Amino acid sequence: MGIRLSELEAESRITLLVSTADNQMRLEGYIKKVINDAVAIIGIDFESPQKLNFDNVKVQLECLLDENVPYLWKQARVVNYKNEYVLQVACEGIRHNRRGSFRVSVSNIGTLKMVGRGSMKVMIKDVSATGFGLADRTKELGLNMGDRANLIYEENGYELNLTGILVRIEEREDMNIYGFEITNLCRDLPKYISFKQRHKN
């Protein structure tokens, strides 16, 4: 069962999934005012003196509701009107699995950078088009939900520079698993994932 845009309250947090044929990124934002079942005024957490242009890109809307259940509007568009971002959707939002993107195993060492903590070496568990996972066998990273970090590593000529927000912590006997959602645009990521798929064991 889907939900209508009009069921979202003002100040509800949202995520715009913006993609082209080669790249994708996530933009965090919020509902300013719902106009009707298909239209809302939104704000976007992006510091820029100029308005973002959403022409010629695919836009999907994601929103977390009760019990952190994510809903996805697969057909959406954003237009600039009178200095506001106007969100338009063509259907109801449906429940979806955030982890549905194909994940490739990595098992490489990367550099994780965090404001106030500097740089640290980490073991990368896996990567997908929307997120990456870290394996902490020492259990000494001490990351918390909502932490933002920058992951940098290189493999087979692909340079990955991923910014993410921590959305999942899994505590196991032998390690802690940290799952991040990617929030930036990385040009090499789609090509890297395709390469890993072709060369998986």
N, C-alpha and C. Protein backbone atom coordinates (compact mmCIF):
# COMPACT_ATOMS: atom_id res chain seq x y z
N MET A 1 0.84 -1.19 0.00
CA MET A 1 0.00 0.00 0.00
C MET A 1 0.88 1.25 0.00
N GLY A 2 0.56 2.19 -0.88
CA GLY A 2 1.38 3.38 -0.98
C GLY A 2 0.88 4.50 -0.10
N ILE A 3 1.64 5.60 -0.08
CA ILE A 3 1.22 6.78 0.66
C ILE A 3 1.26 7.98 -0.28
N ARG A 4 0.43 8.96 0.01
CA ARG A 4 0.37 10.16 -0.80
C ARG A 4 1.33 11.21 -0.26
N LEU A 5 1.75 12.08 -1.13
CA LEU A 5 2.64 13.17 -0.73
C LEU A 5 1.99 14.03 0.34
N SER A 6 0.68 14.18 0.29
CA SER A 6 -0.04 15.01 1.25
C SER A 6 -0.02 14.42 2.67
N GLU A 7 0.40 13.17 2.80
CA GLU A 7 0.49 12.55 4.12
C GLU A 7 1.78 12.92 4.85
N LEU A 8 2.70 13.57 4.16
CA LEU A 8 3.94 14.02 4.79
C LEU A 8 3.70 15.35 5.49
N GLU A 9 4.27 15.51 6.65
CA GLU A 9 4.10 16.73 7.42
C GLU A 9 5.21 17.73 7.10
N ALA A 10 4.94 18.99 7.35
CA ALA A 10 5.97 20.02 7.20
C ALA A 10 7.16 19.68 8.10
N GLU A 11 8.35 19.93 7.60
CA GLU A 11 9.62 19.65 8.27
C GLU A 11 10.01 18.17 8.20
N SER A 12 9.22 17.33 7.52
CA SER A 12 9.62 15.93 7.33
C SER A 12 10.92 15.89 6.53
N ARG A 13 11.86 15.05 6.96
CA ARG A 13 13.12 14.92 6.25
C ARG A 13 12.93 14.07 5.00
N ILE A 14 13.57 14.47 3.92
CA ILE A 14 13.46 13.74 2.67
C ILE A 14 14.85 13.59 2.05
N THR A 15 14.96 12.68 1.10
CA THR A 15 16.18 12.51 0.31
C THR A 15 15.80 12.48 -1.16
N LEU A 16 16.50 13.27 -1.96
CA LEU A 16 16.32 13.24 -3.41
C LEU A 16 17.41 12.37 -4.01
N LEU A 17 17.02 11.35 -4.76
CA LEU A 17 17.97 10.48 -5.45
C LEU A 17 18.06 10.98 -6.89
N VAL A 18 19.15 11.66 -7.20
CA VAL A 18 19.31 12.31 -8.49
C VAL A 18 20.32 11.54 -9.32
N SER A 19 19.96 11.20 -10.56
CA SER A 19 20.87 10.39 -11.37
C SER A 19 20.81 10.76 -12.84
N THR A 20 21.93 10.49 -13.52
CA THR A 20 22.03 10.57 -14.97
C THR A 20 22.43 9.18 -15.45
N ALA A 21 22.77 9.05 -16.71
CA ALA A 21 23.16 7.74 -17.23
C ALA A 21 24.44 7.24 -16.58
N ASP A 22 25.29 8.16 -16.14
CA ASP A 22 26.60 7.76 -15.62
C ASP A 22 26.80 7.96 -14.13
N ASN A 23 26.04 8.83 -13.52
CA ASN A 23 26.30 9.19 -12.13
C ASN A 23 25.01 9.31 -11.33
N GLN A 24 25.18 9.25 -10.01
CA GLN A 24 24.05 9.49 -9.14
C GLN A 24 24.53 10.11 -7.84
N MET A 25 23.64 10.82 -7.16
CA MET A 25 23.97 11.42 -5.88
C MET A 25 22.70 11.54 -5.05
N ARG A 26 22.89 11.73 -3.77
CA ARG A 26 21.77 11.89 -2.83
C ARG A 26 21.82 13.30 -2.27
N LEU A 27 20.68 13.96 -2.27
CA LEU A 27 20.57 15.30 -1.69
C LEU A 27 19.58 15.25 -0.54
N GLU A 28 20.02 15.68 0.64
CA GLU A 28 19.15 15.70 1.80
C GLU A 28 18.33 16.99 1.80
N GLY A 29 17.11 16.90 2.31
CA GLY A 29 16.26 18.07 2.36
C GLY A 29 15.08 17.89 3.29
N TYR A 30 14.05 18.71 3.11
CA TYR A 30 12.90 18.65 4.01
C TYR A 30 11.68 19.24 3.31
N ILE A 31 10.52 18.88 3.80
CA ILE A 31 9.27 19.41 3.28
C ILE A 31 9.01 20.78 3.91
N LYS A 32 8.81 21.80 3.07
CA LYS A 32 8.42 23.12 3.57
C LYS A 32 6.90 23.22 3.70
N LYS A 33 6.23 22.86 2.61
CA LYS A 33 4.77 22.97 2.59
C LYS A 33 4.22 22.01 1.54
N VAL A 34 3.22 21.22 1.92
CA VAL A 34 2.56 20.33 0.98
C VAL A 34 1.40 21.08 0.34
N ILE A 35 1.36 21.10 -0.99
CA ILE A 35 0.29 21.78 -1.72
C ILE A 35 -0.89 20.84 -1.95
N ASN A 36 -0.61 19.64 -2.45
CA ASN A 36 -1.65 18.63 -2.66
C ASN A 36 -0.99 17.25 -2.73
N ASP A 37 -1.72 16.25 -3.23
CA ASP A 37 -1.21 14.89 -3.27
C ASP A 37 0.02 14.73 -4.16
N ALA A 38 0.25 15.69 -5.06
CA ALA A 38 1.33 15.53 -6.03
C ALA A 38 2.36 16.66 -6.03
N VAL A 39 2.15 17.69 -5.22
CA VAL A 39 3.04 18.85 -5.25
C VAL A 39 3.39 19.32 -3.84
N ALA A 40 4.66 19.68 -3.64
CA ALA A 40 5.11 20.22 -2.35
C ALA A 40 6.25 21.19 -2.58
N ILE A 41 6.36 22.15 -1.69
CA ILE A 41 7.52 23.05 -1.67
C ILE A 41 8.55 22.42 -0.74
N ILE A 42 9.81 22.31 -1.20
CA ILE A 42 10.83 21.65 -0.39
C ILE A 42 12.05 22.54 -0.21
N GLY A 43 12.83 22.23 0.80
CA GLY A 43 14.13 22.85 0.99
C GLY A 43 15.20 21.79 0.79
N ILE A 44 16.38 22.21 0.32
CA ILE A 44 17.47 21.28 0.08
C ILE A 44 18.70 21.73 0.85
N ASP A 45 19.33 20.78 1.55
CA ASP A 45 20.52 21.10 2.35
C ASP A 45 21.75 21.17 1.44
N PHE A 46 21.85 22.25 0.70
CA PHE A 46 22.96 22.42 -0.23
C PHE A 46 23.32 23.89 -0.27
N GLU A 47 24.51 24.23 0.25
CA GLU A 47 24.91 25.62 0.33
C GLU A 47 25.47 26.09 -1.02
N SER A 48 24.72 26.92 -1.68
CA SER A 48 25.17 27.46 -2.96
C SER A 48 24.45 28.76 -3.22
N PRO A 49 25.15 29.75 -3.77
CA PRO A 49 24.49 31.03 -4.08
C PRO A 49 23.51 30.91 -5.24
N GLN A 50 23.64 29.84 -6.03
CA GLN A 50 22.76 29.62 -7.17
C GLN A 50 21.85 28.43 -6.90
N LYS A 51 20.65 28.47 -7.48
CA LYS A 51 19.71 27.37 -7.36
C LYS A 51 20.20 26.17 -8.18
N LEU A 52 19.99 24.97 -7.65
CA LEU A 52 20.32 23.76 -8.39
C LEU A 52 19.38 23.60 -9.57
N ASN A 53 19.91 23.03 -10.65
CA ASN A 53 19.12 22.80 -11.86
C ASN A 53 18.87 21.30 -12.00
N PHE A 54 17.60 20.91 -12.05
CA PHE A 54 17.24 19.50 -12.13
C PHE A 54 16.75 19.10 -13.53
N ASP A 55 17.08 19.92 -14.53
CA ASP A 55 16.71 19.56 -15.89
C ASP A 55 17.56 18.39 -16.37
N ASN A 56 16.98 17.50 -17.14
CA ASN A 56 17.67 16.38 -17.79
C ASN A 56 18.31 15.41 -16.80
N VAL A 57 17.71 15.26 -15.63
CA VAL A 57 18.16 14.25 -14.67
C VAL A 57 16.94 13.47 -14.18
N LYS A 58 17.19 12.26 -13.71
CA LYS A 58 16.12 11.46 -13.12
C LYS A 58 16.08 11.75 -11.63
N VAL A 59 14.89 11.98 -11.10
CA VAL A 59 14.73 12.29 -9.68
C VAL A 59 13.76 11.30 -9.04
N GLN A 60 14.17 10.75 -7.90
CA GLN A 60 13.28 9.94 -7.08
C GLN A 60 13.28 10.53 -5.68
N LEU A 61 12.17 10.37 -4.99
CA LEU A 61 12.02 10.91 -3.64
C LEU A 61 11.97 9.78 -2.63
N GLU A 62 12.74 9.92 -1.55
CA GLU A 62 12.72 8.94 -0.47
C GLU A 62 12.41 9.66 0.83
N CYS A 63 11.58 9.01 1.66
CA CYS A 63 11.24 9.59 2.96
C CYS A 63 11.10 8.48 3.98
N LEU A 64 11.68 8.70 5.18
CA LEU A 64 11.55 7.75 6.27
C LEU A 64 10.32 8.10 7.08
N LEU A 65 9.46 7.11 7.30
CA LEU A 65 8.27 7.34 8.11
C LEU A 65 8.39 6.60 9.43
N ASP A 66 7.27 6.22 10.02
CA ASP A 66 7.29 5.56 11.31
C ASP A 66 8.13 4.30 11.26
N GLU A 67 8.83 4.02 12.37
CA GLU A 67 9.69 2.86 12.51
C GLU A 67 10.80 2.83 11.47
N ASN A 68 11.18 4.04 10.98
CA ASN A 68 12.26 4.15 10.00
C ASN A 68 12.03 3.34 8.74
N VAL A 69 10.78 3.18 8.35
CA VAL A 69 10.46 2.49 7.11
C VAL A 69 10.59 3.47 5.94
N PRO A 70 11.46 3.18 4.96
CA PRO A 70 11.62 4.10 3.84
C PRO A 70 10.55 3.91 2.77
N TYR A 71 10.03 5.03 2.25
CA TYR A 71 9.09 5.01 1.14
C TYR A 71 9.75 5.72 -0.04
N LEU A 72 9.45 5.24 -1.23
CA LEU A 72 10.09 5.77 -2.44
C LEU A 72 9.04 6.19 -3.46
N TRP A 73 9.18 7.41 -3.95
CA TRP A 73 8.40 7.89 -5.10
C TRP A 73 9.33 7.80 -6.31
N LYS A 74 9.05 6.85 -7.21
CA LYS A 74 9.98 6.57 -8.30
C LYS A 74 9.94 7.59 -9.41
N GLN A 75 8.82 8.30 -9.55
CA GLN A 75 8.72 9.30 -10.61
C GLN A 75 8.49 10.67 -9.98
N ALA A 76 9.54 11.46 -9.97
CA ALA A 76 9.46 12.80 -9.37
C ALA A 76 10.25 13.78 -10.22
N ARG A 77 9.95 15.04 -10.04
CA ARG A 77 10.73 16.09 -10.68
C ARG A 77 10.77 17.31 -9.78
N VAL A 78 11.81 18.10 -9.93
CA VAL A 78 11.96 19.32 -9.14
C VAL A 78 12.16 20.49 -10.10
N VAL A 79 11.38 21.54 -9.91
CA VAL A 79 11.51 22.74 -10.74
C VAL A 79 11.70 23.95 -9.83
N ASN A 80 12.35 24.96 -10.38
CA ASN A 80 12.53 26.22 -9.67
C ASN A 80 11.40 27.17 -10.03
N TYR A 81 10.67 27.64 -9.03
CA TYR A 81 9.56 28.55 -9.27
C TYR A 81 9.53 29.61 -8.18
N LYS A 82 9.69 30.85 -8.59
CA LYS A 82 9.69 31.98 -7.65
C LYS A 82 10.68 31.76 -6.51
N ASN A 83 11.90 31.33 -6.88
CA ASN A 83 13.00 31.13 -5.94
C ASN A 83 12.74 30.01 -4.93
N GLU A 84 11.86 29.09 -5.27
CA GLU A 84 11.58 27.93 -4.43
C GLU A 84 11.77 26.65 -5.23
N TYR A 85 12.09 25.57 -4.53
CA TYR A 85 12.14 24.26 -5.16
C TYR A 85 10.74 23.63 -5.05
N VAL A 86 10.14 23.34 -6.19
CA VAL A 86 8.82 22.72 -6.23
C VAL A 86 8.97 21.26 -6.63
N LEU A 87 8.54 20.39 -5.74
CA LEU A 87 8.61 18.95 -5.97
C LEU A 87 7.28 18.46 -6.54
N GLN A 88 7.35 17.67 -7.61
CA GLN A 88 6.16 17.09 -8.21
C GLN A 88 6.35 15.58 -8.32
N VAL A 89 5.35 14.81 -7.93
CA VAL A 89 5.42 13.35 -8.03
C VAL A 89 4.26 12.86 -8.90
N ALA A 90 4.47 11.71 -9.55
CA ALA A 90 3.47 11.19 -10.48
C ALA A 90 2.71 9.99 -9.94
N CYS A 91 3.08 9.55 -8.73
CA CYS A 91 2.43 8.36 -8.18
C CYS A 91 2.56 8.39 -6.66
N GLU A 92 2.03 7.38 -6.00
CA GLU A 92 2.17 7.26 -4.55
C GLU A 92 3.55 6.70 -4.20
N GLY A 93 3.98 6.96 -2.97
CA GLY A 93 5.24 6.41 -2.50
C GLY A 93 5.03 4.97 -2.04
N ILE A 94 5.98 4.10 -2.35
CA ILE A 94 5.88 2.70 -1.96
C ILE A 94 7.06 2.31 -1.09
N ARG A 95 6.85 1.34 -0.21
CA ARG A 95 7.94 0.86 0.63
C ARG A 95 9.01 0.23 -0.23
N HIS A 96 10.27 0.43 0.19
CA HIS A 96 11.35 -0.17 -0.58
C HIS A 96 12.52 -0.51 0.32
N ASN A 97 13.40 -1.35 -0.20
CA ASN A 97 14.58 -1.81 0.52
C ASN A 97 15.76 -0.95 0.12
N ARG A 98 16.27 -0.16 1.04
CA ARG A 98 17.40 0.71 0.75
C ARG A 98 18.63 -0.07 0.30
N ARG A 99 18.72 -1.34 0.76
CA ARG A 99 19.92 -2.11 0.47
C ARG A 99 19.76 -2.95 -0.79
N GLY A 100 18.80 -2.56 -1.63
CA GLY A 100 18.54 -3.34 -2.82
C GLY A 100 19.59 -3.19 -3.92
N SER A 101 20.45 -2.20 -3.84
CA SER A 101 21.46 -2.01 -4.86
C SER A 101 22.48 -3.14 -4.81
N PHE A 102 22.96 -3.55 -5.98
CA PHE A 102 23.94 -4.63 -6.06
C PHE A 102 25.22 -4.22 -5.34
N ARG A 103 25.65 -5.08 -4.43
CA ARG A 103 26.86 -4.79 -3.66
C ARG A 103 28.01 -5.66 -4.15
N VAL A 104 29.19 -5.06 -4.25
CA VAL A 104 30.38 -5.82 -4.63
C VAL A 104 31.32 -5.86 -3.44
N SER A 105 31.92 -7.03 -3.21
CA SER A 105 32.88 -7.18 -2.13
C SER A 105 34.16 -6.43 -2.49
N VAL A 106 34.78 -5.85 -1.48
CA VAL A 106 35.98 -5.06 -1.73
C VAL A 106 37.20 -5.63 -1.00
N SER A 107 37.14 -5.71 0.34
CA SER A 107 38.25 -6.25 1.15
C SER A 107 39.56 -5.51 0.89
N ASN A 108 39.48 -4.20 0.79
CA ASN A 108 40.67 -3.36 0.62
C ASN A 108 40.77 -2.39 1.81
N ILE A 109 41.97 -1.90 2.01
CA ILE A 109 42.18 -0.87 3.02
C ILE A 109 41.96 0.51 2.40
N GLY A 110 41.21 1.34 3.09
CA GLY A 110 41.00 2.70 2.63
C GLY A 110 41.28 3.70 3.74
N THR A 111 41.19 4.97 3.41
CA THR A 111 41.40 6.03 4.39
C THR A 111 40.06 6.70 4.69
N LEU A 112 39.69 6.71 5.97
CA LEU A 112 38.45 7.34 6.40
C LEU A 112 38.80 8.66 7.09
N LYS A 113 38.19 9.74 6.62
CA LYS A 113 38.43 11.06 7.19
C LYS A 113 37.16 11.58 7.83
N MET A 114 37.30 12.07 9.08
CA MET A 114 36.16 12.62 9.80
C MET A 114 36.56 13.92 10.47
N VAL A 115 35.66 14.88 10.45
CA VAL A 115 35.92 16.17 11.10
C VAL A 115 36.14 15.93 12.59
N GLY A 116 37.23 16.44 13.11
CA GLY A 116 37.53 16.31 14.54
C GLY A 116 38.28 15.05 14.91
N ARG A 117 38.37 14.08 13.97
CA ARG A 117 39.07 12.83 14.27
C ARG A 117 40.22 12.55 13.32
N GLY A 118 40.37 13.36 12.30
CA GLY A 118 41.47 13.18 11.38
C GLY A 118 41.26 11.99 10.46
N SER A 119 42.38 11.35 10.07
CA SER A 119 42.33 10.23 9.14
C SER A 119 42.65 8.93 9.85
N MET A 120 42.05 7.84 9.37
CA MET A 120 42.32 6.51 9.94
C MET A 120 42.18 5.47 8.84
N LYS A 121 42.96 4.39 8.96
CA LYS A 121 42.87 3.30 8.00
C LYS A 121 41.73 2.38 8.39
N VAL A 122 40.94 1.97 7.39
CA VAL A 122 39.78 1.11 7.64
C VAL A 122 39.73 0.00 6.60
N MET A 123 39.07 -1.09 6.96
CA MET A 123 38.84 -2.18 6.02
C MET A 123 37.48 -1.99 5.36
N ILE A 124 37.48 -1.90 4.04
CA ILE A 124 36.24 -1.72 3.29
C ILE A 124 35.65 -3.09 3.01
N LYS A 125 34.42 -3.31 3.43
CA LYS A 125 33.76 -4.60 3.26
C LYS A 125 33.10 -4.72 1.90
N ASP A 126 32.30 -3.72 1.54
CA ASP A 126 31.60 -3.76 0.25
C ASP A 126 31.19 -2.35 -0.17
N VAL A 127 30.81 -2.25 -1.44
CA VAL A 127 30.39 -0.96 -2.01
C VAL A 127 29.24 -1.21 -2.97
N SER A 128 28.28 -0.31 -2.99
CA SER A 128 27.21 -0.34 -3.98
C SER A 128 27.07 1.06 -4.55
N ALA A 129 26.10 1.22 -5.45
CA ALA A 129 25.87 2.54 -6.04
C ALA A 129 25.36 3.54 -5.02
N THR A 130 24.82 3.05 -3.90
CA THR A 130 24.22 3.95 -2.91
C THR A 130 24.89 3.92 -1.54
N GLY A 131 25.86 3.03 -1.33
CA GLY A 131 26.45 2.96 0.00
C GLY A 131 27.74 2.16 0.04
N PHE A 132 28.36 2.17 1.22
CA PHE A 132 29.56 1.34 1.43
C PHE A 132 29.57 0.83 2.87
N GLY A 133 30.21 -0.32 3.05
CA GLY A 133 30.29 -0.93 4.36
C GLY A 133 31.73 -1.07 4.82
N LEU A 134 31.94 -0.87 6.12
CA LEU A 134 33.26 -1.02 6.73
C LEU A 134 33.23 -2.17 7.74
N ALA A 135 34.31 -2.94 7.80
CA ALA A 135 34.44 -4.04 8.77
C ALA A 135 35.48 -3.65 9.80
N ASP A 136 35.07 -3.55 11.06
CA ASP A 136 35.96 -3.14 12.15
C ASP A 136 36.22 -4.33 13.07
N ARG A 137 37.31 -5.08 12.79
CA ARG A 137 37.62 -6.27 13.59
C ARG A 137 38.18 -5.91 14.96
N THR A 138 38.77 -4.72 15.09
CA THR A 138 39.32 -4.30 16.38
C THR A 138 38.24 -3.75 17.30
N LYS A 139 37.12 -3.38 16.72
CA LYS A 139 36.01 -2.75 17.45
C LYS A 139 36.45 -1.48 18.17
N GLU A 140 37.38 -0.77 17.55
CA GLU A 140 37.91 0.45 18.15
C GLU A 140 37.54 1.72 17.39
N LEU A 141 36.83 1.59 16.28
CA LEU A 141 36.46 2.79 15.51
C LEU A 141 35.50 3.68 16.30
N GLY A 142 34.56 3.06 16.99
CA GLY A 142 33.64 3.83 17.83
C GLY A 142 32.79 4.83 17.07
N LEU A 143 32.25 4.42 15.93
CA LEU A 143 31.41 5.33 15.15
C LEU A 143 29.99 5.32 15.69
N ASN A 144 29.25 6.40 15.43
CA ASN A 144 27.88 6.54 15.91
C ASN A 144 26.93 6.84 14.75
N MET A 145 25.68 6.42 14.90
CA MET A 145 24.67 6.70 13.88
C MET A 145 24.63 8.19 13.57
N GLY A 146 24.59 8.49 12.27
CA GLY A 146 24.55 9.89 11.86
C GLY A 146 25.91 10.50 11.60
N ASP A 147 26.99 9.77 11.97
CA ASP A 147 28.34 10.28 11.69
C ASP A 147 28.53 10.46 10.19
N ARG A 148 29.22 11.53 9.82
CA ARG A 148 29.54 11.77 8.41
C ARG A 148 31.04 11.58 8.22
N ALA A 149 31.40 10.93 7.12
CA ALA A 149 32.80 10.62 6.88
C ALA A 149 33.09 10.61 5.40
N ASN A 150 34.38 10.70 5.08
CA ASN A 150 34.86 10.66 3.71
C ASN A 150 35.78 9.45 3.56
N LEU A 151 35.46 8.57 2.62
CA LEU A 151 36.26 7.36 2.38
C LEU A 151 37.01 7.51 1.06
N ILE A 152 38.33 7.27 1.11
CA ILE A 152 39.16 7.40 -0.08
C ILE A 152 39.97 6.12 -0.27
N TYR A 153 39.91 5.56 -1.47
CA TYR A 153 40.79 4.43 -1.79
C TYR A 153 40.89 4.29 -3.30
N GLU A 154 41.85 3.50 -3.75
CA GLU A 154 42.09 3.29 -5.16
C GLU A 154 42.26 1.82 -5.44
N GLU A 155 41.68 1.35 -6.54
CA GLU A 155 41.82 -0.05 -6.93
C GLU A 155 41.76 -0.16 -8.44
N ASN A 156 42.76 -0.81 -9.02
CA ASN A 156 42.81 -1.05 -10.46
C ASN A 156 42.61 0.22 -11.29
N GLY A 157 43.18 1.32 -10.83
CA GLY A 157 43.12 2.56 -11.57
C GLY A 157 41.87 3.39 -11.32
N TYR A 158 40.94 2.87 -10.51
CA TYR A 158 39.73 3.62 -10.18
C TYR A 158 39.96 4.36 -8.87
N GLU A 159 39.71 5.67 -8.87
CA GLU A 159 39.88 6.48 -7.68
C GLU A 159 38.53 6.77 -7.06
N LEU A 160 38.31 6.22 -5.87
CA LEU A 160 37.02 6.36 -5.18
C LEU A 160 37.15 7.38 -4.05
N ASN A 161 36.33 8.39 -4.10
CA ASN A 161 36.26 9.40 -3.05
C ASN A 161 34.79 9.54 -2.69
N LEU A 162 34.40 8.86 -1.60
CA LEU A 162 32.99 8.74 -1.24
C LEU A 162 32.69 9.44 0.08
N THR A 163 31.68 10.27 0.07
CA THR A 163 31.20 10.91 1.29
C THR A 163 29.92 10.19 1.72
N GLY A 164 29.83 9.86 3.00
CA GLY A 164 28.66 9.12 3.44
C GLY A 164 28.21 9.47 4.84
N ILE A 165 27.00 9.04 5.16
CA ILE A 165 26.44 9.21 6.50
C ILE A 165 26.14 7.82 7.05
N LEU A 166 26.50 7.59 8.31
CA LEU A 166 26.35 6.28 8.92
C LEU A 166 24.87 6.01 9.24
N VAL A 167 24.32 4.94 8.64
CA VAL A 167 22.90 4.64 8.82
C VAL A 167 22.66 3.25 9.42
N ARG A 168 23.74 2.45 9.56
CA ARG A 168 23.54 1.09 10.09
C ARG A 168 24.77 0.64 10.86
N ILE A 169 24.55 0.09 12.04
CA ILE A 169 25.63 -0.50 12.85
C ILE A 169 25.23 -1.93 13.21
N GLU A 170 26.07 -2.88 12.86
CA GLU A 170 25.80 -4.28 13.17
C GLU A 170 26.93 -4.81 14.03
N GLU A 171 26.64 -5.16 15.26
CA GLU A 171 27.65 -5.64 16.19
C GLU A 171 27.67 -7.17 16.19
N ARG A 172 28.79 -7.74 15.74
CA ARG A 172 28.98 -9.18 15.73
C ARG A 172 30.03 -9.57 16.77
N GLU A 173 30.17 -10.87 16.97
CA GLU A 173 31.17 -11.33 17.94
C GLU A 173 32.58 -11.01 17.48
N ASP A 174 32.82 -11.15 16.18
CA ASP A 174 34.18 -10.99 15.67
C ASP A 174 34.47 -9.61 15.08
N MET A 175 33.43 -8.81 14.88
CA MET A 175 33.65 -7.49 14.28
C MET A 175 32.39 -6.63 14.39
N ASN A 176 32.56 -5.33 14.12
CA ASN A 176 31.44 -4.42 13.95
C ASN A 176 31.36 -4.04 12.47
N ILE A 177 30.15 -4.02 11.95
CA ILE A 177 29.93 -3.62 10.56
C ILE A 177 29.25 -2.26 10.56
N TYR A 178 29.82 -1.33 9.80
CA TYR A 178 29.24 0.00 9.68
C TYR A 178 28.76 0.22 8.25
N GLY A 179 27.49 0.59 8.10
CA GLY A 179 26.93 0.84 6.78
C GLY A 179 26.67 2.31 6.55
N PHE A 180 27.25 2.85 5.50
CA PHE A 180 27.12 4.27 5.16
C PHE A 180 26.28 4.43 3.89
N GLU A 181 25.49 5.48 3.85
CA GLU A 181 24.82 5.88 2.62
C GLU A 181 25.65 6.96 1.95
N ILE A 182 25.89 6.80 0.65
CA ILE A 182 26.69 7.76 -0.09
C ILE A 182 25.87 9.02 -0.38
N THR A 183 26.49 10.18 -0.15
CA THR A 183 25.78 11.45 -0.32
C THR A 183 26.44 12.37 -1.35
N ASN A 184 27.48 11.89 -2.00
CA ASN A 184 28.16 12.74 -2.99
C ASN A 184 28.18 12.06 -4.36
N LEU A 185 28.70 12.78 -5.32
CA LEU A 185 28.80 12.28 -6.68
C LEU A 185 30.24 11.82 -6.92
N CYS A 186 30.42 10.54 -7.29
CA CYS A 186 31.76 10.00 -7.57
C CYS A 186 31.76 9.46 -8.98
N ARG A 187 32.50 10.09 -9.86
CA ARG A 187 32.46 9.75 -11.28
C ARG A 187 32.91 8.32 -11.54
N ASP A 188 33.88 7.83 -10.79
CA ASP A 188 34.43 6.49 -11.03
C ASP A 188 33.58 5.37 -10.44
N LEU A 189 32.62 5.69 -9.57
CA LEU A 189 31.90 4.63 -8.86
C LEU A 189 31.12 3.68 -9.77
N PRO A 190 30.27 4.16 -10.71
CA PRO A 190 29.56 3.21 -11.56
C PRO A 190 30.49 2.32 -12.37
N LYS A 191 31.58 2.90 -12.90
CA LYS A 191 32.54 2.13 -13.70
C LYS A 191 33.27 1.11 -12.82
N TYR A 192 33.58 1.51 -11.58
CA TYR A 192 34.26 0.62 -10.66
C TYR A 192 33.37 -0.58 -10.30
N ILE A 193 32.10 -0.32 -10.01
CA ILE A 193 31.18 -1.41 -9.66
C ILE A 193 31.01 -2.36 -10.84
N SER A 194 30.91 -1.81 -12.04
CA SER A 194 30.82 -2.64 -13.24
C SER A 194 32.07 -3.49 -13.41
N PHE A 195 33.23 -2.91 -13.15
CA PHE A 195 34.49 -3.65 -13.23
C PHE A 195 34.51 -4.80 -12.22
N LYS A 196 34.08 -4.52 -10.98
CA LYS A 196 34.09 -5.55 -9.94
C LYS A 196 33.12 -6.68 -10.29
N GLN A 197 31.98 -6.35 -10.87
CA GLN A 197 31.03 -7.38 -11.27
C GLN A 197 31.61 -8.29 -12.33
N ARG A 198 32.33 -7.70 -13.28
CA ARG A 198 32.91 -8.49 -14.37
C ARG A 198 34.04 -9.39 -13.90
N HIS A 199 34.75 -8.97 -12.83
CA HIS A 199 35.93 -9.68 -12.40
C HIS A 199 35.74 -10.37 -11.04
N LYS A 200 34.48 -10.55 -10.62
CA LYS A 200 34.27 -11.24 -9.35
C LYS A 200 34.65 -12.70 -9.48
N ASN A 201 35.09 -13.27 -8.34
CA ASN A 201 35.54 -14.67 -8.36
C ASN A 201 34.33 -15.60 -8.43
